[in-house]
């Protein structure tokens, strides 16, 4: 898997790698699929939601599926998801320091 998290903007490289770990936990239902890449796109949300929230970050996760299960049957064999994560260590349930604010097809 390719991971791109430049140490720039409001987040440290370590914090951004926590975002990658959070996304990996979030997509654990995708058995039979592989994550091809996770990239940090930038601070904030791509649709401008929460533009003043300095704790938001956008990531792009690309995947490919060879086999499908009940939760992935409606997915395309290849695609991507845009994740908007909030850096909130006090609310993170997986120890990554992040919570998912929204996600959808990219």
N, C-alpha and C. Protein backbone atom coordinates (compact mmCIF):
# COMPACT_ATOMS: atom_id res chain seq x y z
N UNK A 1 0.85 -1.16 0.00
CA UNK A 1 0.00 0.00 0.00
C UNK A 1 0.90 1.23 0.00
N UNK A 2 0.53 2.19 -0.81
CA UNK A 2 1.25 3.46 -0.89
C UNK A 2 0.61 4.45 0.08
N UNK A 3 1.42 5.10 0.89
CA UNK A 3 0.93 6.09 1.85
C UNK A 3 1.64 7.41 1.56
N UNK A 4 0.85 8.46 1.36
CA UNK A 4 1.42 9.79 1.12
C UNK A 4 0.91 10.75 2.18
N UNK A 5 1.78 11.13 3.10
CA UNK A 5 1.42 12.07 4.16
C UNK A 5 2.56 13.07 4.34
N UNK A 6 2.58 14.12 3.53
CA UNK A 6 3.64 15.12 3.69
C UNK A 6 3.51 15.85 5.02
N UNK A 7 4.64 16.16 5.62
CA UNK A 7 4.62 16.89 6.89
C UNK A 7 4.46 18.38 6.60
N UNK A 8 3.23 18.75 6.28
CA UNK A 8 2.96 20.17 6.03
C UNK A 8 1.58 20.50 6.53
N UNK A 9 1.31 21.77 6.63
CA UNK A 9 -0.01 22.18 7.11
C UNK A 9 -0.10 22.09 8.61
N UNK A 10 -1.31 22.00 9.12
CA UNK A 10 -1.52 22.07 10.57
C UNK A 10 -1.23 20.77 11.32
N UNK A 11 -0.92 19.67 10.61
CA UNK A 11 -0.75 18.37 11.27
C UNK A 11 0.67 17.86 11.09
N UNK A 12 1.17 17.19 12.11
CA UNK A 12 2.49 16.56 12.02
C UNK A 12 2.37 15.28 11.20
N UNK A 13 3.49 14.79 10.71
CA UNK A 13 3.50 13.53 9.97
C UNK A 13 2.97 12.40 10.85
N UNK A 14 3.32 12.41 12.13
CA UNK A 14 2.84 11.38 13.05
C UNK A 14 1.33 11.40 13.20
N UNK A 15 0.76 12.60 13.32
CA UNK A 15 -0.70 12.71 13.42
C UNK A 15 -1.35 12.22 12.14
N UNK A 16 -0.78 12.57 10.99
CA UNK A 16 -1.36 12.13 9.71
C UNK A 16 -1.28 10.60 9.55
N UNK A 17 -0.20 10.00 10.02
CA UNK A 17 -0.12 8.53 9.98
C UNK A 17 -1.19 7.91 10.88
N UNK A 18 -1.55 8.61 11.97
CA UNK A 18 -2.68 8.16 12.78
C UNK A 18 -3.97 8.17 11.98
N UNK A 19 -4.15 9.17 11.11
CA UNK A 19 -5.31 9.22 10.22
C UNK A 19 -5.34 8.04 9.27
N UNK A 20 -4.19 7.64 8.76
CA UNK A 20 -4.10 6.47 7.89
C UNK A 20 -4.52 5.22 8.65
N UNK A 21 -4.02 5.05 9.88
CA UNK A 21 -4.41 3.90 10.71
C UNK A 21 -5.91 3.90 10.97
N UNK A 22 -6.48 5.08 11.21
CA UNK A 22 -7.92 5.18 11.45
C UNK A 22 -8.70 4.71 10.23
N UNK A 23 -8.30 5.12 9.05
CA UNK A 23 -8.98 4.69 7.83
C UNK A 23 -8.85 3.19 7.65
N UNK A 24 -7.68 2.63 7.91
CA UNK A 24 -7.50 1.18 7.82
C UNK A 24 -8.47 0.45 8.75
N UNK A 25 -8.67 0.96 9.97
CA UNK A 25 -9.64 0.36 10.89
C UNK A 25 -11.06 0.52 10.36
N UNK A 26 -11.35 1.70 9.80
CA UNK A 26 -12.69 2.02 9.31
C UNK A 26 -13.12 1.11 8.15
N UNK A 27 -12.19 0.66 7.34
CA UNK A 27 -12.54 -0.15 6.17
C UNK A 27 -12.27 -1.64 6.40
N UNK A 28 -12.19 -2.06 7.64
CA UNK A 28 -11.92 -3.47 7.94
C UNK A 28 -13.01 -4.39 7.40
N UNK A 29 -14.21 -3.85 7.11
CA UNK A 29 -15.29 -4.65 6.55
C UNK A 29 -15.01 -5.05 5.10
N UNK A 30 -14.02 -4.47 4.47
CA UNK A 30 -13.74 -4.69 3.05
C UNK A 30 -12.87 -5.93 2.83
N UNK A 31 -13.27 -7.04 3.40
CA UNK A 31 -12.53 -8.29 3.20
C UNK A 31 -12.61 -8.67 1.73
N UNK A 32 -11.50 -9.14 1.16
CA UNK A 32 -11.44 -9.45 -0.26
C UNK A 32 -11.00 -8.26 -1.09
N UNK A 33 -10.81 -7.13 -0.43
CA UNK A 33 -10.35 -5.91 -1.09
C UNK A 33 -8.99 -5.53 -0.52
N UNK A 34 -8.24 -4.78 -1.30
CA UNK A 34 -6.97 -4.28 -0.80
C UNK A 34 -6.94 -2.76 -0.95
N UNK A 35 -6.31 -2.13 0.01
CA UNK A 35 -6.11 -0.69 -0.07
C UNK A 35 -4.87 -0.47 -0.92
N UNK A 36 -5.03 0.28 -1.98
CA UNK A 36 -3.90 0.56 -2.88
C UNK A 36 -3.11 1.79 -2.43
N UNK A 37 -3.81 2.80 -1.95
CA UNK A 37 -3.12 4.01 -1.52
C UNK A 37 -4.01 4.81 -0.58
N UNK A 38 -3.37 5.51 0.34
CA UNK A 38 -4.05 6.51 1.18
C UNK A 38 -3.18 7.75 1.12
N UNK A 39 -3.81 8.85 0.73
CA UNK A 39 -3.08 10.11 0.60
C UNK A 39 -3.77 11.20 1.39
N UNK A 40 -2.95 12.02 2.03
CA UNK A 40 -3.45 13.22 2.70
C UNK A 40 -3.65 14.26 1.62
N UNK A 41 -4.88 14.75 1.48
CA UNK A 41 -5.20 15.74 0.45
C UNK A 41 -4.97 17.15 0.97
N UNK A 42 -5.36 17.40 2.21
CA UNK A 42 -5.13 18.71 2.78
C UNK A 42 -6.01 18.97 3.99
N UNK A 43 -5.83 20.12 4.60
CA UNK A 43 -6.65 20.46 5.76
C UNK A 43 -8.07 20.81 5.33
N UNK A 44 -9.00 20.69 6.26
CA UNK A 44 -10.38 21.05 5.99
C UNK A 44 -11.11 19.99 5.19
N UNK A 45 -12.27 20.36 4.71
CA UNK A 45 -13.15 19.47 3.95
C UNK A 45 -13.20 19.94 2.50
N UNK A 46 -13.21 19.03 1.53
CA UNK A 46 -13.21 19.44 0.13
C UNK A 46 -14.47 20.21 -0.28
N UNK A 47 -15.55 20.05 0.44
CA UNK A 47 -16.78 20.78 0.09
C UNK A 47 -16.92 22.09 0.87
N UNK A 48 -15.88 22.44 1.62
CA UNK A 48 -15.90 23.69 2.37
C UNK A 48 -16.59 23.60 3.72
N UNK A 49 -17.23 22.45 4.00
CA UNK A 49 -17.88 22.26 5.31
C UNK A 49 -16.82 22.34 6.40
N UNK A 50 -17.11 23.10 7.42
CA UNK A 50 -16.17 23.22 8.54
C UNK A 50 -14.89 23.92 8.15
N UNK A 51 -14.97 24.86 7.20
CA UNK A 51 -13.77 25.54 6.71
C UNK A 51 -12.97 26.20 7.83
N UNK A 52 -13.61 26.59 8.90
CA UNK A 52 -12.92 27.23 10.01
C UNK A 52 -12.45 26.24 11.06
N UNK A 53 -12.68 24.97 10.85
CA UNK A 53 -12.30 23.95 11.82
C UNK A 53 -10.90 23.46 11.49
N UNK A 54 -9.92 23.89 12.26
CA UNK A 54 -8.52 23.52 11.99
C UNK A 54 -8.21 22.08 12.36
N UNK A 55 -9.19 21.35 12.91
CA UNK A 55 -8.98 19.94 13.27
C UNK A 55 -9.40 18.99 12.16
N UNK A 56 -9.90 19.49 11.01
CA UNK A 56 -10.36 18.63 9.93
C UNK A 56 -9.25 18.38 8.91
N UNK A 57 -9.21 17.17 8.37
CA UNK A 57 -8.26 16.81 7.33
C UNK A 57 -8.97 15.91 6.32
N UNK A 58 -8.60 16.05 5.05
CA UNK A 58 -9.17 15.23 3.99
C UNK A 58 -8.12 14.24 3.49
N UNK A 59 -8.54 12.98 3.36
CA UNK A 59 -7.69 11.92 2.84
C UNK A 59 -8.41 11.26 1.66
N UNK A 60 -7.65 10.69 0.74
CA UNK A 60 -8.19 9.91 -0.36
C UNK A 60 -7.68 8.48 -0.22
N UNK A 61 -8.60 7.52 -0.16
CA UNK A 61 -8.24 6.10 -0.04
C UNK A 61 -8.70 5.37 -1.31
N UNK A 62 -7.74 4.77 -2.03
CA UNK A 62 -8.04 4.01 -3.25
C UNK A 62 -7.99 2.52 -2.92
N UNK A 63 -8.89 1.75 -3.54
CA UNK A 63 -8.98 0.32 -3.25
C UNK A 63 -9.22 -0.49 -4.52
N UNK A 64 -9.03 -1.80 -4.40
CA UNK A 64 -9.36 -2.76 -5.45
C UNK A 64 -9.90 -4.02 -4.78
N UNK A 65 -10.97 -4.59 -5.34
CA UNK A 65 -11.58 -5.79 -4.76
C UNK A 65 -11.49 -6.96 -5.75
N UNK A 66 -11.02 -8.10 -5.25
CA UNK A 66 -11.00 -9.33 -6.05
C UNK A 66 -12.21 -10.19 -5.74
N UNK A 67 -12.63 -10.18 -4.48
CA UNK A 67 -13.82 -10.92 -4.06
C UNK A 67 -14.70 -9.99 -3.24
N UNK A 68 -15.96 -10.37 -3.10
CA UNK A 68 -16.92 -9.50 -2.42
C UNK A 68 -17.61 -10.25 -1.29
N UNK A 69 -18.08 -9.51 -0.29
CA UNK A 69 -18.87 -10.08 0.79
C UNK A 69 -20.19 -9.31 0.86
N UNK A 70 -21.01 -9.61 1.82
CA UNK A 70 -22.34 -8.99 1.91
C UNK A 70 -22.26 -7.47 2.01
N UNK A 71 -21.21 -6.96 2.65
CA UNK A 71 -21.10 -5.49 2.82
C UNK A 71 -20.43 -4.80 1.64
N UNK A 72 -19.76 -5.57 0.77
CA UNK A 72 -19.05 -4.94 -0.35
C UNK A 72 -19.68 -5.25 -1.71
N UNK A 73 -20.76 -6.02 -1.72
CA UNK A 73 -21.35 -6.44 -3.00
C UNK A 73 -21.76 -5.27 -3.88
N UNK A 74 -22.17 -4.17 -3.31
CA UNK A 74 -22.63 -3.03 -4.12
C UNK A 74 -21.49 -2.10 -4.52
N UNK A 75 -20.28 -2.42 -4.11
CA UNK A 75 -19.13 -1.58 -4.43
C UNK A 75 -18.58 -1.91 -5.81
N UNK A 76 -17.97 -0.93 -6.43
CA UNK A 76 -17.26 -1.12 -7.68
C UNK A 76 -16.00 -1.95 -7.39
N UNK A 77 -15.52 -2.76 -8.35
CA UNK A 77 -14.29 -3.53 -8.10
C UNK A 77 -13.07 -2.66 -7.82
N UNK A 78 -13.07 -1.44 -8.34
CA UNK A 78 -11.99 -0.49 -8.10
C UNK A 78 -12.62 0.87 -7.85
N UNK A 79 -12.03 1.62 -6.94
CA UNK A 79 -12.59 2.94 -6.69
C UNK A 79 -11.83 3.66 -5.61
N UNK A 80 -12.44 4.70 -5.10
CA UNK A 80 -11.81 5.47 -4.04
C UNK A 80 -12.88 6.10 -3.16
N UNK A 81 -12.47 6.40 -1.97
CA UNK A 81 -13.31 7.10 -0.99
C UNK A 81 -12.57 8.34 -0.52
N UNK A 82 -13.30 9.42 -0.37
CA UNK A 82 -12.78 10.62 0.25
C UNK A 82 -13.20 10.58 1.71
N UNK A 83 -12.25 10.68 2.60
CA UNK A 83 -12.50 10.69 4.04
C UNK A 83 -12.23 12.07 4.59
N UNK A 84 -13.17 12.61 5.35
CA UNK A 84 -12.94 13.83 6.12
C UNK A 84 -12.86 13.37 7.58
N UNK A 85 -11.69 13.54 8.15
CA UNK A 85 -11.44 13.11 9.52
C UNK A 85 -11.27 14.33 10.42
N UNK A 86 -11.64 14.15 11.67
CA UNK A 86 -11.44 15.19 12.66
C UNK A 86 -10.39 14.71 13.66
N UNK A 87 -9.38 15.53 13.86
CA UNK A 87 -8.35 15.19 14.85
C UNK A 87 -8.92 15.51 16.23
N UNK A 88 -9.30 14.46 16.95
CA UNK A 88 -9.95 14.60 18.26
C UNK A 88 -9.48 13.47 19.17
N UNK A 89 -8.24 13.56 19.66
CA UNK A 89 -7.69 12.48 20.49
C UNK A 89 -8.57 12.09 21.67
N UNK A 90 -9.31 13.04 22.23
CA UNK A 90 -10.16 12.75 23.38
C UNK A 90 -11.41 11.95 23.00
N UNK A 91 -11.77 11.90 21.72
CA UNK A 91 -12.96 11.17 21.29
C UNK A 91 -12.63 9.97 20.40
N UNK A 92 -11.37 9.77 20.09
CA UNK A 92 -10.95 8.68 19.22
C UNK A 92 -11.12 7.34 19.94
N UNK A 93 -11.84 6.43 19.30
CA UNK A 93 -12.09 5.13 19.95
C UNK A 93 -11.08 4.06 19.55
N UNK A 94 -10.23 4.35 18.56
CA UNK A 94 -9.28 3.32 18.11
C UNK A 94 -7.83 3.66 18.44
N UNK A 95 -7.62 4.73 19.20
CA UNK A 95 -6.26 5.11 19.61
C UNK A 95 -5.48 5.86 18.55
N UNK A 96 -6.09 6.16 17.41
CA UNK A 96 -5.39 6.85 16.33
C UNK A 96 -5.35 8.36 16.53
N UNK A 97 -6.27 8.87 17.35
CA UNK A 97 -6.40 10.31 17.53
C UNK A 97 -7.40 10.95 16.59
N UNK A 98 -8.06 10.15 15.77
CA UNK A 98 -8.98 10.65 14.74
C UNK A 98 -10.36 10.02 14.84
N UNK A 99 -11.36 10.75 14.38
CA UNK A 99 -12.73 10.24 14.22
C UNK A 99 -13.18 10.60 12.80
N UNK A 100 -14.03 9.75 12.24
CA UNK A 100 -14.53 10.00 10.90
C UNK A 100 -15.65 11.01 10.96
N UNK A 101 -15.50 12.08 10.22
CA UNK A 101 -16.55 13.11 10.12
C UNK A 101 -17.49 12.75 8.97
N UNK A 102 -16.92 12.32 7.82
CA UNK A 102 -17.73 11.88 6.68
C UNK A 102 -16.83 11.11 5.71
N UNK A 103 -17.48 10.31 4.86
CA UNK A 103 -16.74 9.65 3.78
C UNK A 103 -17.71 9.34 2.66
N UNK A 104 -17.16 9.19 1.49
CA UNK A 104 -17.99 8.88 0.32
C UNK A 104 -17.12 8.64 -0.89
N UNK A 105 -17.74 8.18 -1.95
CA UNK A 105 -16.98 7.87 -3.17
C UNK A 105 -16.27 9.11 -3.69
N UNK A 106 -15.04 8.88 -4.09
CA UNK A 106 -14.22 9.99 -4.60
C UNK A 106 -14.19 10.03 -6.10
